[in-house]
C-alpha atoms as a PDB file:
ATOM      1  CA  MET A   1     123.755 -85.128 123.285  1.00  0.00           C
ATOM      2  CA  ILE A   2     123.030 -82.617 125.864  1.00  0.00           C
ATOM      3  CA  GLU A   3     123.547 -79.233 124.135  1.00  0.00           C
ATOM      4  CA  ARG A   4     125.340 -77.539 126.988  1.00  0.00           C
ATOM      5  CA  TYR A   5     127.899 -80.346 127.289  1.00  0.00           C
ATOM      6  CA  CYS A   6     128.999 -80.620 123.824  1.00  0.00           C
ATOM      7  CA  LEU A   7     131.056 -78.645 121.241  1.00  0.00           C
ATOM      8  CA  PRO A   8     129.426 -77.758 117.926  1.00  0.00           C
ATOM      9  CA  GLU A   9     131.467 -80.425 116.197  1.00  0.00           C
ATOM     10  CA  MET A  10     130.143 -83.132 118.515  1.00  0.00           C
ATOM     11  CA  ALA A  11     126.554 -81.849 118.160  1.00  0.00           C
ATOM     12  CA  GLU A  12     126.909 -82.215 114.299  1.00  0.00           C
ATOM     13  CA  VAL A  13     128.192 -85.916 114.697  1.00  0.00           C
ATOM     14  CA  TRP A  14     125.149 -86.763 116.912  1.00  0.00           C
ATOM     15  CA  SER A  15     122.505 -84.577 115.069  1.00  0.00           C
ATOM     16  CA  ASP A  16     119.366 -85.899 113.582  1.00  0.00           C
ATOM     17  CA  ALA A  17     120.356 -84.649 110.237  1.00  0.00           C
ATOM     18  CA  ARG A  18     123.525 -86.581 110.282  1.00  0.00           C
ATOM     19  CA  ARG A  19     121.756 -89.660 111.482  1.00  0.00           C
ATOM     20  CA  LEU A  20     119.164 -89.471 108.663  1.00  0.00           C
ATOM     21  CA  ALA A  21     121.884 -88.863 106.151  1.00  0.00           C
ATOM     22  CA  LEU A  22     123.784 -91.987 107.272  1.00  0.00           C
ATOM     23  CA  TRP A  23     120.645 -93.941 107.307  1.00  0.00           C
ATOM     24  CA  LEU A  24     119.894 -92.954 103.706  1.00  0.00           C
ATOM     25  CA  ASP A  25     123.411 -94.006 102.833  1.00  0.00           C
ATOM     26  CA  VAL A  26     122.942 -97.383 104.288  1.00  0.00           C
ATOM     27  CA  GLU A  27     119.607 -97.866 102.575  1.00  0.00           C
ATOM     28  CA  LEU A  28     121.142 -96.707  99.199  1.00  0.00           C
ATOM     29  CA  ALA A  29     123.985 -99.177  99.637  1.00  0.00           C
ATOM     30  CA  MET A  30     121.674-102.041 100.406  1.00  0.00           C
ATOM     31  CA  THR A  31     119.499-101.137  97.391  1.00  0.00           C
ATOM     32  CA  ALA A  32     122.628-101.125  95.163  1.00  0.00           C
ATOM     33  CA  ALA A  33     123.728-104.561  96.503  1.00  0.00           C
ATOM     34  CA  ARG A  34     120.241-106.048  95.834  1.00  0.00           C
ATOM     35  CA  GLU A  35     120.460-104.436  92.367  1.00  0.00           C
ATOM     36  CA  ALA A  36     123.754-106.224  91.758  1.00  0.00           C
ATOM     37  CA  ARG A  37     122.245-109.452  92.806  1.00  0.00           C
ATOM     38  CA  GLY A  38     119.370-108.960  90.325  1.00  0.00           C
ATOM     39  CA  ASP A  39     116.624-108.476  92.914  1.00  0.00           C
ATOM     40  CA  VAL A  40     116.114-104.830  91.989  1.00  0.00           C
ATOM     41  CA  PRO A  41     115.793-103.408  88.469  1.00  0.00           C
ATOM     42  CA  ALA A  42     118.958-101.987  86.954  1.00  0.00           C
ATOM     43  CA  GLY A  43     119.547 -98.327  87.579  1.00  0.00           C
ATOM     44  CA  THR A  44     117.091 -98.123  90.640  1.00  0.00           C
ATOM     45  CA  SER A  45     119.759 -97.138  93.269  1.00  0.00           C
ATOM     46  CA  GLU A  46     121.214 -94.372  90.994  1.00  0.00           C
ATOM     47  CA  ARG A  47     117.747 -92.936  90.194  1.00  0.00           C
ATOM     48  CA  ILE A  48     116.917 -92.896  93.907  1.00  0.00           C
ATOM     49  CA  ARG A  49     120.271 -91.398  94.835  1.00  0.00           C
ATOM     50  CA  SER A  50     119.816 -88.568  92.311  1.00  0.00           C
ATOM     51  CA  HIS A  51     116.293 -87.679  93.486  1.00  0.00           C
ATOM     52  CA  ALA A  52     116.337 -88.550  97.277  1.00  0.00           C
ATOM     53  CA  ARG A  53     115.964 -85.446  99.559  1.00  0.00           C
ATOM     54  CA  LEU A  54     116.071 -85.399 103.316  1.00  0.00           C
ATOM     55  CA  ASP A  55     113.559 -82.996 104.991  1.00  0.00           C
ATOM     56  CA  LEU A  56     114.452 -83.040 108.688  1.00  0.00           C
ATOM     57  CA  ARG A  57     111.378 -81.067 109.711  1.00  0.00           C
ATOM     58  CA  ARG A  58     109.122 -83.451 107.961  1.00  0.00           C
ATOM     59  CA  MET A  59     110.917 -86.425 109.309  1.00  0.00           C
ATOM     60  CA  LEU A  60     110.698 -85.006 112.926  1.00  0.00           C
ATOM     61  CA  ALA A  61     106.875 -84.408 112.404  1.00  0.00           C
ATOM     62  CA  HIS A  62     106.712 -88.193 111.416  1.00  0.00           C
ATOM     63  CA  ARG A  63     108.492 -89.195 114.629  1.00  0.00           C
ATOM     64  CA  SER A  64     106.037 -87.240 116.692  1.00  0.00           C
ATOM     65  CA  GLY A  65     102.992 -88.588 114.788  1.00  0.00           C
ATOM     66  CA  GLY A  66     102.201 -85.128 113.289  1.00  0.00           C
ATOM     67  CA  ALA A  67     102.035 -86.368 109.748  1.00  0.00           C
ATOM     68  CA  PRO A  68      99.214 -88.303 108.011  1.00  0.00           C
ATOM     69  CA  ARG A  69      99.960 -91.965 107.354  1.00  0.00           C
ATOM     70  CA  ARG A  70      99.690 -91.623 103.531  1.00  0.00           C
ATOM     71  CA  ASP A  71     102.556 -88.868 103.910  1.00  0.00           C
ATOM     72  CA  ARG A  72     104.954 -91.449 105.246  1.00  0.00           C
ATOM     73  CA  VAL A  73     105.222 -93.336 101.937  1.00  0.00           C
ATOM     74  CA  PRO A  74     108.462 -92.026 100.030  1.00  0.00           C
ATOM     75  CA  GLU A  75     107.546 -89.548  97.479  1.00  0.00           C
ATOM     76  CA  HIS A  76     110.246 -88.533  95.013  1.00  0.00           C
ATOM     77  CA  GLY A  77     108.079 -86.655  92.444  1.00  0.00           C
ATOM     78  CA  GLY A  78     106.616 -88.898  89.722  1.00  0.00           C
ATOM     79  CA  ARG A  79     105.063 -92.338  89.461  1.00  0.00           C
ATOM     80  CA  ASP A  80     108.328 -94.012  88.372  1.00  0.00           C
ATOM     81  CA  ARG A  81     110.286 -92.462  91.151  1.00  0.00           C
ATOM     82  CA  ARG A  82     107.697 -93.788  93.720  1.00  0.00           C
ATOM     83  CA  ASP A  83     108.125 -97.265  92.046  1.00  0.00           C
ATOM     84  CA  ASP A  84     111.851 -97.134  92.587  1.00  0.00           C
ATOM     85  CA  ALA A  85     111.208 -96.029  96.347  1.00  0.00           C
ATOM     86  CA  ARG A  86     109.550 -99.178  97.130  1.00  0.00           C
ATOM     87  CA  HIS A  87     112.955-100.874  96.773  1.00  0.00           C
ATOM     88  CA  LEU A  88     114.242 -98.966  99.916  1.00  0.00           C
ATOM     89  CA  HIS A  89     114.195-100.509 103.385  1.00  0.00           C
ATOM     90  CA  VAL A  90     112.967-103.975 102.731  1.00  0.00           C
ATOM     91  CA  GLY A  91     112.287-106.162 105.700  1.00  0.00           C
END
């Protein structure tokens, strides 16, 4: 949206932060569906949901190529959480 043409409410709907939050919701829903089918270990989607954090500034740096490649892997704190993160965005 062009900033000067939209109301604050419209800007929020079309913001990068909102887009990323919805994207995370979709990825978590897909992980939960795969978990229900038995493709993902039980409890994975809830563990990811409880630890996932969106960092808009970091995401925008990734988009512009400002972050090192190793930094693009989901990092949620510990080894087990990184193992869970590999179930996000398959395909």
